[in-house]
Amino acid sequence: MEIPKAGTQAPDFTLPDQEGKEHSLSDYKGKWVLLYFYPKDDTPGCTIEACTIRDQFKDFKKIGAVVLGVSTDSVASHKKFANAYELPFTLLADVTKEVVGQYGVFGEKKFMRRRVAPDGVLETYMGTMRTSFLIDPEGKIAKIYEKVKPEAHATEVISDLKALIQ
């Protein structure tokens, strides 16, 4: 499936969080939502991204924005990850890969640390693309962030939120 376009209604979904509690995107109507998709709990880039969001979480709260992280890891994996890094926001478990499919962020990837095939070509694999969606209070996609830089993402989103809210 393709990535939804900015200005369109964000696809609704219901997923369990790190405590097993169900969350629907529609539960957050009336609020700004950062819906961020990440490849895997407790990996270097994903940990950097989660910790920079954690470190700037007070700015998200001050703006009144909700942060929802989504990966295809399990509820138990999310709980361990959230506890290990004291993450104050919600992590959603998309183990069936339905939501990553709805948002068009699951597909073929090449990664520099993957094994190189005998012909010298990087091997590909299926996985979640590091992509985020900023969703406005009406449930529409205000901005899409593709090829996210984990260490700069939280700052970029907060800056965009401040500009959009004014």
N, C-alpha and C. Protein backbone atom coordinates (compact mmCIF):
# COMPACT_ATOMS: atom_id res chain seq x y z
N MET A 1 0.83 -1.18 0.00
CA MET A 1 0.00 0.00 0.00
C MET A 1 0.88 1.25 0.00
N GLU A 2 0.38 2.31 -0.59
CA GLU A 2 1.14 3.56 -0.65
C GLU A 2 0.97 4.37 0.62
N ILE A 3 1.94 5.25 0.86
CA ILE A 3 1.86 6.17 1.99
C ILE A 3 0.70 7.12 1.74
N PRO A 4 -0.17 7.32 2.73
CA PRO A 4 -1.25 8.30 2.57
C PRO A 4 -0.67 9.69 2.32
N LYS A 5 -1.39 10.54 1.66
CA LYS A 5 -0.92 11.87 1.31
C LYS A 5 -1.25 12.89 2.41
N ALA A 6 -0.41 13.91 2.50
CA ALA A 6 -0.68 15.02 3.41
C ALA A 6 -2.00 15.66 2.99
N GLY A 7 -2.80 16.05 3.98
CA GLY A 7 -4.10 16.67 3.71
C GLY A 7 -5.25 15.67 3.69
N THR A 8 -4.92 14.37 3.69
CA THR A 8 -5.97 13.34 3.69
C THR A 8 -6.21 12.86 5.13
N GLN A 9 -7.35 12.22 5.33
CA GLN A 9 -7.69 11.67 6.65
C GLN A 9 -6.69 10.55 6.98
N ALA A 10 -6.16 10.58 8.19
CA ALA A 10 -5.25 9.53 8.63
C ALA A 10 -6.05 8.25 8.85
N PRO A 11 -5.58 7.12 8.33
CA PRO A 11 -6.30 5.86 8.56
C PRO A 11 -6.41 5.54 10.05
N ASP A 12 -7.63 5.23 10.50
CA ASP A 12 -7.84 4.88 11.90
C ASP A 12 -7.40 3.44 12.13
N PHE A 13 -7.10 3.12 13.35
CA PHE A 13 -6.67 1.77 13.72
C PHE A 13 -6.84 1.61 15.22
N THR A 14 -6.74 0.38 15.68
CA THR A 14 -6.73 0.07 17.11
C THR A 14 -5.61 -0.93 17.36
N LEU A 15 -4.71 -0.59 18.29
CA LEU A 15 -3.58 -1.46 18.64
C LEU A 15 -3.35 -1.44 20.15
N PRO A 16 -2.75 -2.51 20.69
CA PRO A 16 -2.42 -2.53 22.11
C PRO A 16 -1.10 -1.79 22.38
N ASP A 17 -1.03 -1.16 23.58
CA ASP A 17 0.20 -0.48 23.97
C ASP A 17 1.08 -1.42 24.79
N GLN A 18 2.15 -0.87 25.36
CA GLN A 18 3.12 -1.66 26.12
C GLN A 18 2.53 -2.26 27.39
N GLU A 19 1.34 -1.83 27.78
CA GLU A 19 0.65 -2.40 28.95
C GLU A 19 -0.49 -3.33 28.52
N GLY A 20 -0.72 -3.45 27.20
CA GLY A 20 -1.80 -4.28 26.69
C GLY A 20 -3.11 -3.52 26.51
N LYS A 21 -3.13 -2.22 26.83
CA LYS A 21 -4.34 -1.39 26.70
C LYS A 21 -4.51 -0.98 25.23
N GLU A 22 -5.75 -1.11 24.75
CA GLU A 22 -6.05 -0.76 23.36
C GLU A 22 -6.13 0.76 23.15
N HIS A 23 -5.57 1.22 22.05
CA HIS A 23 -5.64 2.63 21.65
C HIS A 23 -6.11 2.69 20.21
N SER A 24 -7.02 3.60 19.93
CA SER A 24 -7.43 3.89 18.55
C SER A 24 -6.95 5.29 18.23
N LEU A 25 -6.56 5.52 16.98
CA LEU A 25 -6.15 6.86 16.59
C LEU A 25 -7.30 7.84 16.83
N SER A 26 -8.52 7.41 16.57
CA SER A 26 -9.69 8.28 16.74
C SER A 26 -9.90 8.72 18.20
N ASP A 27 -9.27 8.01 19.16
CA ASP A 27 -9.34 8.42 20.57
C ASP A 27 -8.71 9.80 20.79
N TYR A 28 -7.85 10.19 19.86
CA TYR A 28 -7.06 11.42 20.03
C TYR A 28 -7.55 12.57 19.17
N LYS A 29 -8.76 12.44 18.63
CA LYS A 29 -9.34 13.56 17.87
C LYS A 29 -9.38 14.79 18.77
N GLY A 30 -9.04 15.93 18.19
CA GLY A 30 -8.98 17.16 18.97
C GLY A 30 -7.58 17.48 19.46
N LYS A 31 -6.64 16.57 19.24
CA LYS A 31 -5.25 16.78 19.64
C LYS A 31 -4.33 16.58 18.43
N TRP A 32 -3.17 17.20 18.50
CA TRP A 32 -2.11 16.92 17.54
C TRP A 32 -1.49 15.59 17.93
N VAL A 33 -1.16 14.76 16.94
CA VAL A 33 -0.56 13.44 17.20
C VAL A 33 0.68 13.27 16.34
N LEU A 34 1.79 12.90 16.99
CA LEU A 34 2.95 12.43 16.25
C LEU A 34 2.84 10.91 16.24
N LEU A 35 2.57 10.35 15.06
CA LEU A 35 2.50 8.91 14.87
C LEU A 35 3.81 8.51 14.21
N TYR A 36 4.69 7.90 15.00
CA TYR A 36 6.00 7.57 14.43
C TYR A 36 6.19 6.06 14.36
N PHE A 37 6.58 5.63 13.17
CA PHE A 37 6.84 4.22 12.90
C PHE A 37 8.34 4.00 12.97
N TYR A 38 8.74 2.94 13.65
CA TYR A 38 10.17 2.64 13.78
C TYR A 38 10.38 1.14 13.59
N PRO A 39 11.59 0.76 13.12
CA PRO A 39 11.82 -0.65 12.79
C PRO A 39 11.79 -1.65 13.94
N LYS A 40 12.49 -1.38 15.05
CA LYS A 40 12.62 -2.43 16.06
C LYS A 40 13.03 -1.86 17.42
N ASP A 41 12.39 -2.38 18.46
CA ASP A 41 12.74 -2.00 19.82
C ASP A 41 14.21 -2.30 20.10
N ASP A 42 14.82 -1.41 20.89
CA ASP A 42 16.15 -1.64 21.46
C ASP A 42 17.24 -1.85 20.41
N THR A 43 17.12 -1.21 19.26
CA THR A 43 18.20 -1.19 18.27
C THR A 43 18.78 0.22 18.28
N PRO A 44 20.00 0.41 17.78
CA PRO A 44 20.66 1.71 17.95
C PRO A 44 19.86 2.92 17.46
N GLY A 45 19.42 2.94 16.23
CA GLY A 45 18.69 4.10 15.69
C GLY A 45 17.35 4.31 16.38
N CYS A 46 16.66 3.23 16.67
CA CYS A 46 15.34 3.33 17.30
C CYS A 46 15.45 3.80 18.74
N THR A 47 16.52 3.39 19.42
CA THR A 47 16.74 3.84 20.79
C THR A 47 17.08 5.33 20.80
N ILE A 48 17.92 5.78 19.88
CA ILE A 48 18.26 7.21 19.79
C ILE A 48 16.99 8.02 19.54
N GLU A 49 16.17 7.57 18.59
CA GLU A 49 14.94 8.30 18.27
C GLU A 49 14.01 8.37 19.48
N ALA A 50 13.78 7.24 20.13
CA ALA A 50 12.88 7.19 21.29
C ALA A 50 13.41 8.07 22.43
N CYS A 51 14.71 8.03 22.66
CA CYS A 51 15.28 8.80 23.77
C CYS A 51 15.28 10.31 23.48
N THR A 52 15.44 10.71 22.23
CA THR A 52 15.36 12.15 21.93
C THR A 52 13.92 12.63 22.08
N ILE A 53 12.95 11.79 21.73
CA ILE A 53 11.54 12.16 21.96
C ILE A 53 11.30 12.23 23.47
N ARG A 54 11.80 11.25 24.20
CA ARG A 54 11.66 11.24 25.67
C ARG A 54 12.25 12.52 26.26
N ASP A 55 13.44 12.90 25.82
CA ASP A 55 14.13 14.05 26.38
C ASP A 55 13.43 15.37 26.06
N GLN A 56 12.61 15.38 25.01
CA GLN A 56 11.87 16.59 24.65
C GLN A 56 10.37 16.43 24.85
N PHE A 57 9.99 15.38 25.58
CA PHE A 57 8.58 15.07 25.75
C PHE A 57 7.81 16.20 26.44
N LYS A 58 8.47 16.92 27.35
CA LYS A 58 7.80 18.05 28.03
C LYS A 58 7.36 19.10 27.00
N ASP A 59 8.12 19.26 25.92
CA ASP A 59 7.73 20.22 24.86
C ASP A 59 6.51 19.73 24.10
N PHE A 60 6.43 18.42 23.85
CA PHE A 60 5.23 17.86 23.21
C PHE A 60 4.02 18.08 24.11
N LYS A 61 4.19 17.82 25.41
CA LYS A 61 3.08 17.98 26.37
C LYS A 61 2.64 19.43 26.47
N LYS A 62 3.60 20.35 26.48
CA LYS A 62 3.30 21.78 26.59
C LYS A 62 2.44 22.23 25.40
N ILE A 63 2.72 21.67 24.23
CA ILE A 63 1.96 21.99 23.01
C ILE A 63 0.61 21.27 23.03
N GLY A 64 0.51 20.20 23.83
CA GLY A 64 -0.71 19.41 23.88
C GLY A 64 -0.73 18.29 22.85
N ALA A 65 0.47 17.91 22.39
CA ALA A 65 0.58 16.85 21.38
C ALA A 65 0.77 15.49 22.03
N VAL A 66 0.23 14.48 21.39
CA VAL A 66 0.34 13.09 21.82
C VAL A 66 1.41 12.42 20.95
N VAL A 67 2.21 11.55 21.56
CA VAL A 67 3.21 10.78 20.81
C VAL A 67 2.82 9.31 20.86
N LEU A 68 2.72 8.71 19.67
CA LEU A 68 2.43 7.27 19.55
C LEU A 68 3.52 6.65 18.68
N GLY A 69 4.31 5.76 19.27
CA GLY A 69 5.32 5.02 18.51
C GLY A 69 4.74 3.69 18.10
N VAL A 70 5.02 3.26 16.87
CA VAL A 70 4.49 1.98 16.37
C VAL A 70 5.61 1.16 15.75
N SER A 71 5.71 -0.09 16.17
CA SER A 71 6.57 -1.06 15.48
C SER A 71 5.85 -2.40 15.47
N THR A 72 6.43 -3.35 14.78
CA THR A 72 5.81 -4.67 14.68
C THR A 72 6.25 -5.59 15.83
N ASP A 73 6.95 -5.04 16.82
CA ASP A 73 7.35 -5.81 17.99
C ASP A 73 6.13 -6.09 18.88
N SER A 74 6.29 -7.03 19.79
CA SER A 74 5.20 -7.45 20.68
C SER A 74 4.98 -6.47 21.83
N VAL A 75 3.85 -6.64 22.51
CA VAL A 75 3.54 -5.86 23.71
C VAL A 75 4.67 -6.04 24.73
N ALA A 76 5.11 -7.28 24.94
CA ALA A 76 6.17 -7.57 25.92
C ALA A 76 7.48 -6.88 25.55
N SER A 77 7.81 -6.88 24.28
CA SER A 77 9.03 -6.21 23.82
C SER A 77 8.93 -4.70 24.06
N HIS A 78 7.75 -4.13 23.74
CA HIS A 78 7.53 -2.69 23.97
C HIS A 78 7.65 -2.36 25.46
N LYS A 79 7.10 -3.21 26.31
CA LYS A 79 7.14 -2.96 27.77
C LYS A 79 8.59 -2.93 28.25
N LYS A 80 9.37 -3.88 27.79
CA LYS A 80 10.78 -3.96 28.17
C LYS A 80 11.54 -2.72 27.67
N PHE A 81 11.29 -2.33 26.42
CA PHE A 81 11.94 -1.17 25.81
C PHE A 81 11.55 0.12 26.54
N ALA A 82 10.27 0.30 26.78
CA ALA A 82 9.78 1.51 27.47
C ALA A 82 10.34 1.60 28.89
N ASN A 83 10.39 0.48 29.60
CA ASN A 83 10.92 0.47 30.96
C ASN A 83 12.43 0.73 30.98
N ALA A 84 13.15 0.12 30.06
CA ALA A 84 14.61 0.25 30.02
C ALA A 84 15.04 1.70 29.81
N TYR A 85 14.29 2.44 29.01
CA TYR A 85 14.68 3.81 28.66
C TYR A 85 13.74 4.86 29.26
N GLU A 86 12.85 4.42 30.17
CA GLU A 86 11.92 5.33 30.85
C GLU A 86 11.17 6.21 29.84
N LEU A 87 10.58 5.56 28.85
CA LEU A 87 9.84 6.28 27.81
C LEU A 87 8.47 6.69 28.35
N PRO A 88 8.15 7.98 28.33
CA PRO A 88 6.90 8.46 28.92
C PRO A 88 5.72 8.49 27.94
N PHE A 89 5.89 7.94 26.76
CA PHE A 89 4.84 7.96 25.75
C PHE A 89 4.44 6.54 25.37
N THR A 90 3.40 6.45 24.58
CA THR A 90 2.79 5.18 24.22
C THR A 90 3.50 4.51 23.05
N LEU A 91 3.78 3.22 23.21
CA LEU A 91 4.31 2.39 22.12
C LEU A 91 3.22 1.38 21.76
N LEU A 92 2.92 1.29 20.48
CA LEU A 92 1.85 0.40 20.01
C LEU A 92 2.43 -0.79 19.25
N ALA A 93 1.88 -1.97 19.54
CA ALA A 93 2.36 -3.22 18.96
C ALA A 93 1.51 -3.62 17.75
N ASP A 94 2.11 -3.57 16.58
CA ASP A 94 1.44 -3.93 15.33
C ASP A 94 1.98 -5.28 14.84
N VAL A 95 1.78 -6.31 15.64
CA VAL A 95 2.35 -7.62 15.33
C VAL A 95 1.79 -8.24 14.05
N THR A 96 0.58 -7.87 13.67
CA THR A 96 -0.01 -8.41 12.44
C THR A 96 0.42 -7.63 11.20
N LYS A 97 1.13 -6.51 11.42
CA LYS A 97 1.62 -5.64 10.34
C LYS A 97 0.50 -4.96 9.56
N GLU A 98 -0.70 -4.91 10.13
CA GLU A 98 -1.85 -4.30 9.45
C GLU A 98 -1.68 -2.78 9.34
N VAL A 99 -1.27 -2.13 10.42
CA VAL A 99 -1.18 -0.67 10.44
C VAL A 99 0.02 -0.19 9.62
N VAL A 100 1.16 -0.87 9.73
CA VAL A 100 2.31 -0.48 8.90
C VAL A 100 1.95 -0.62 7.42
N GLY A 101 1.07 -1.57 7.12
CA GLY A 101 0.57 -1.73 5.75
C GLY A 101 -0.36 -0.59 5.36
N GLN A 102 -1.31 -0.23 6.24
CA GLN A 102 -2.24 0.87 5.98
C GLN A 102 -1.50 2.17 5.68
N TYR A 103 -0.40 2.38 6.39
CA TYR A 103 0.36 3.63 6.24
C TYR A 103 1.48 3.52 5.20
N GLY A 104 1.59 2.36 4.56
CA GLY A 104 2.56 2.20 3.48
C GLY A 104 4.02 2.28 3.92
N VAL A 105 4.29 1.89 5.18
CA VAL A 105 5.65 2.02 5.70
C VAL A 105 6.34 0.67 5.92
N PHE A 106 5.76 -0.40 5.39
CA PHE A 106 6.38 -1.72 5.48
C PHE A 106 6.75 -2.14 4.07
N GLY A 107 8.01 -2.45 3.86
CA GLY A 107 8.42 -2.84 2.51
C GLY A 107 9.86 -3.31 2.46
N GLU A 108 10.36 -3.39 1.25
CA GLU A 108 11.71 -3.88 1.03
C GLU A 108 12.73 -2.83 1.46
N LYS A 109 13.74 -3.30 2.21
CA LYS A 109 14.78 -2.40 2.72
C LYS A 109 16.14 -2.96 2.37
N LYS A 110 17.09 -2.05 2.26
CA LYS A 110 18.51 -2.42 2.16
C LYS A 110 19.17 -1.74 3.35
N PHE A 111 20.01 -2.47 4.03
CA PHE A 111 20.64 -1.90 5.21
C PHE A 111 22.13 -2.14 5.12
N MET A 112 22.92 -1.12 5.44
CA MET A 112 24.36 -1.21 5.23
C MET A 112 25.03 -2.34 6.00
N ARG A 113 24.44 -2.76 7.11
CA ARG A 113 25.08 -3.83 7.88
C ARG A 113 24.60 -5.22 7.47
N ARG A 114 23.69 -5.29 6.53
CA ARG A 114 23.22 -6.59 6.05
C ARG A 114 24.31 -7.25 5.22
N ARG A 115 24.24 -8.56 5.18
CA ARG A 115 25.19 -9.33 4.41
C ARG A 115 25.14 -8.93 2.94
N VAL A 116 26.29 -8.90 2.31
CA VAL A 116 26.35 -8.61 0.87
C VAL A 116 26.32 -9.95 0.14
N ALA A 117 25.49 -10.02 -0.86
CA ALA A 117 25.38 -11.24 -1.67
C ALA A 117 26.70 -11.48 -2.41
N PRO A 118 26.95 -12.71 -2.88
CA PRO A 118 28.20 -13.01 -3.58
C PRO A 118 28.48 -12.09 -4.78
N ASP A 119 27.42 -11.57 -5.39
CA ASP A 119 27.62 -10.68 -6.55
C ASP A 119 27.92 -9.24 -6.13
N GLY A 120 28.06 -9.00 -4.80
CA GLY A 120 28.42 -7.66 -4.32
C GLY A 120 27.23 -6.75 -4.05
N VAL A 121 26.02 -7.24 -4.30
CA VAL A 121 24.82 -6.43 -4.11
C VAL A 121 24.33 -6.59 -2.66
N LEU A 122 23.90 -5.51 -2.05
CA LEU A 122 23.33 -5.60 -0.70
C LEU A 122 22.07 -6.44 -0.73
N GLU A 123 21.96 -7.35 0.23
CA GLU A 123 20.73 -8.14 0.31
C GLU A 123 19.60 -7.27 0.83
N THR A 124 18.40 -7.56 0.38
CA THR A 124 17.23 -6.81 0.84
C THR A 124 16.42 -7.69 1.80
N TYR A 125 15.58 -7.04 2.56
CA TYR A 125 14.69 -7.73 3.49
C TYR A 125 13.47 -6.87 3.68
N MET A 126 12.41 -7.44 4.24
CA MET A 126 11.18 -6.70 4.49
C MET A 126 11.22 -6.13 5.91
N GLY A 127 10.82 -4.87 6.03
CA GLY A 127 10.83 -4.25 7.34
C GLY A 127 10.07 -2.93 7.35
N THR A 128 10.01 -2.32 8.53
CA THR A 128 9.32 -1.05 8.72
C THR A 128 10.25 0.10 8.40
N MET A 129 9.78 1.03 7.58
CA MET A 129 10.54 2.23 7.24
C MET A 129 10.38 3.24 8.39
N ARG A 130 11.45 3.93 8.72
CA ARG A 130 11.40 4.95 9.77
C ARG A 130 10.70 6.18 9.18
N THR A 131 9.40 6.25 9.43
CA THR A 131 8.54 7.29 8.85
C THR A 131 7.58 7.79 9.93
N SER A 132 7.30 9.08 9.91
CA SER A 132 6.36 9.65 10.88
C SER A 132 5.30 10.48 10.20
N PHE A 133 4.16 10.58 10.87
CA PHE A 133 3.03 11.36 10.39
C PHE A 133 2.62 12.31 11.51
N LEU A 134 2.52 13.59 11.18
CA LEU A 134 2.00 14.57 12.11
C LEU A 134 0.53 14.74 11.74
N ILE A 135 -0.34 14.41 12.69
CA ILE A 135 -1.78 14.38 12.44
C ILE A 135 -2.44 15.53 13.21
N ASP A 136 -3.26 16.30 12.50
CA ASP A 136 -3.88 17.48 13.12
C ASP A 136 -5.10 17.10 13.97
N PRO A 137 -5.64 18.05 14.71
CA PRO A 137 -6.77 17.74 15.61
C PRO A 137 -8.02 17.21 14.90
N GLU A 138 -8.15 17.44 13.60
CA GLU A 138 -9.30 16.91 12.86
C GLU A 138 -9.04 15.50 12.32
N GLY A 139 -7.83 14.98 12.58
CA GLY A 139 -7.50 13.63 12.12
C GLY A 139 -6.91 13.59 10.73
N LYS A 140 -6.52 14.74 10.20
CA LYS A 140 -5.90 14.79 8.86
C LYS A 140 -4.38 14.82 8.99
N ILE A 141 -3.71 14.26 8.00
CA ILE A 141 -2.25 14.24 7.99
C ILE A 141 -1.75 15.64 7.61
N ALA A 142 -1.07 16.28 8.56
CA ALA A 142 -0.55 17.64 8.33
C ALA A 142 0.83 17.59 7.67
N LYS A 143 1.64 16.60 8.05
CA LYS A 143 3.00 16.50 7.51
C LYS A 143 3.47 15.06 7.59
N ILE A 144 4.27 14.67 6.60
CA ILE A 144 4.86 13.33 6.57
C ILE A 144 6.37 13.48 6.61
N TYR A 145 7.00 12.69 7.45
CA TYR A 145 8.46 12.69 7.58
C TYR A 145 8.97 11.34 7.08
N GLU A 146 9.67 11.35 5.97
CA GLU A 146 10.26 10.12 5.45
C GLU A 146 11.77 10.18 5.66
N LYS A 147 12.40 9.03 5.73
CA LYS A 147 13.85 8.96 5.96
C LYS A 147 14.25 9.82 7.15
N VAL A 148 13.59 9.57 8.26
CA VAL A 148 13.79 10.31 9.50
C VAL A 148 15.21 10.13 10.03
N LYS A 149 15.81 11.22 10.49
CA LYS A 149 17.10 11.17 11.18
C LYS A 149 16.79 11.08 12.68
N PRO A 150 17.07 9.93 13.31
CA PRO A 150 16.65 9.69 14.69
C PRO A 150 17.07 10.78 15.68
N GLU A 151 18.28 11.30 15.56
CA GLU A 151 18.78 12.26 16.54
C GLU A 151 18.16 13.65 16.40
N ALA A 152 17.56 13.96 15.25
CA ALA A 152 17.03 15.30 15.00
C ALA A 152 15.50 15.34 14.92
N HIS A 153 14.87 14.19 14.93
CA HIS A 153 13.44 14.11 14.62
C HIS A 153 12.56 14.88 15.62
N ALA A 154 12.77 14.68 16.90
CA ALA A 154 11.91 15.34 17.90
C ALA A 154 11.98 16.86 17.76
N THR A 155 13.17 17.40 17.59
CA THR A 155 13.35 18.85 17.45
C THR A 155 12.62 19.36 16.21
N GLU A 156 12.73 18.62 15.11
CA GLU A 156 12.07 19.02 13.86
C GLU A 156 10.55 19.03 14.03
N VAL A 157 10.00 18.01 14.65
CA VAL A 157 8.55 17.93 14.83
C VAL A 157 8.05 19.03 15.76
N ILE A 158 8.75 19.28 16.85
CA ILE A 158 8.34 20.34 17.77
C ILE A 158 8.35 21.69 17.07
N SER A 159 9.38 21.95 16.28
CA SER A 159 9.46 23.19 15.51
C SER A 159 8.28 23.31 14.55
N ASP A 160 7.96 22.22 13.85
CA ASP A 160 6.82 22.23 12.91
C ASP A 160 5.50 22.43 13.66
N LEU A 161 5.35 21.79 14.80
CA LEU A 161 4.12 21.95 15.59
C LEU A 161 3.93 23.40 16.01
N LYS A 162 4.99 24.02 16.51
CA LYS A 162 4.91 25.41 16.93
C LYS A 162 4.50 26.32 15.76
N ALA A 163 5.05 26.05 14.59
CA ALA A 163 4.71 26.85 13.40
C ALA A 163 3.26 26.62 12.97
N LEU A 164 2.79 25.38 13.03
CA LEU A 164 1.43 25.05 12.60
C LEU A 164 0.37 25.57 13.57
N ILE A 165 0.69 25.63 14.84
CA ILE A 165 -0.28 26.03 15.86
C ILE A 165 -0.49 27.55 15.87
N GLN A 166 0.52 28.30 15.51
CA GLN A 166 0.41 29.77 15.55
C GLN A 166 -0.61 30.31 14.59
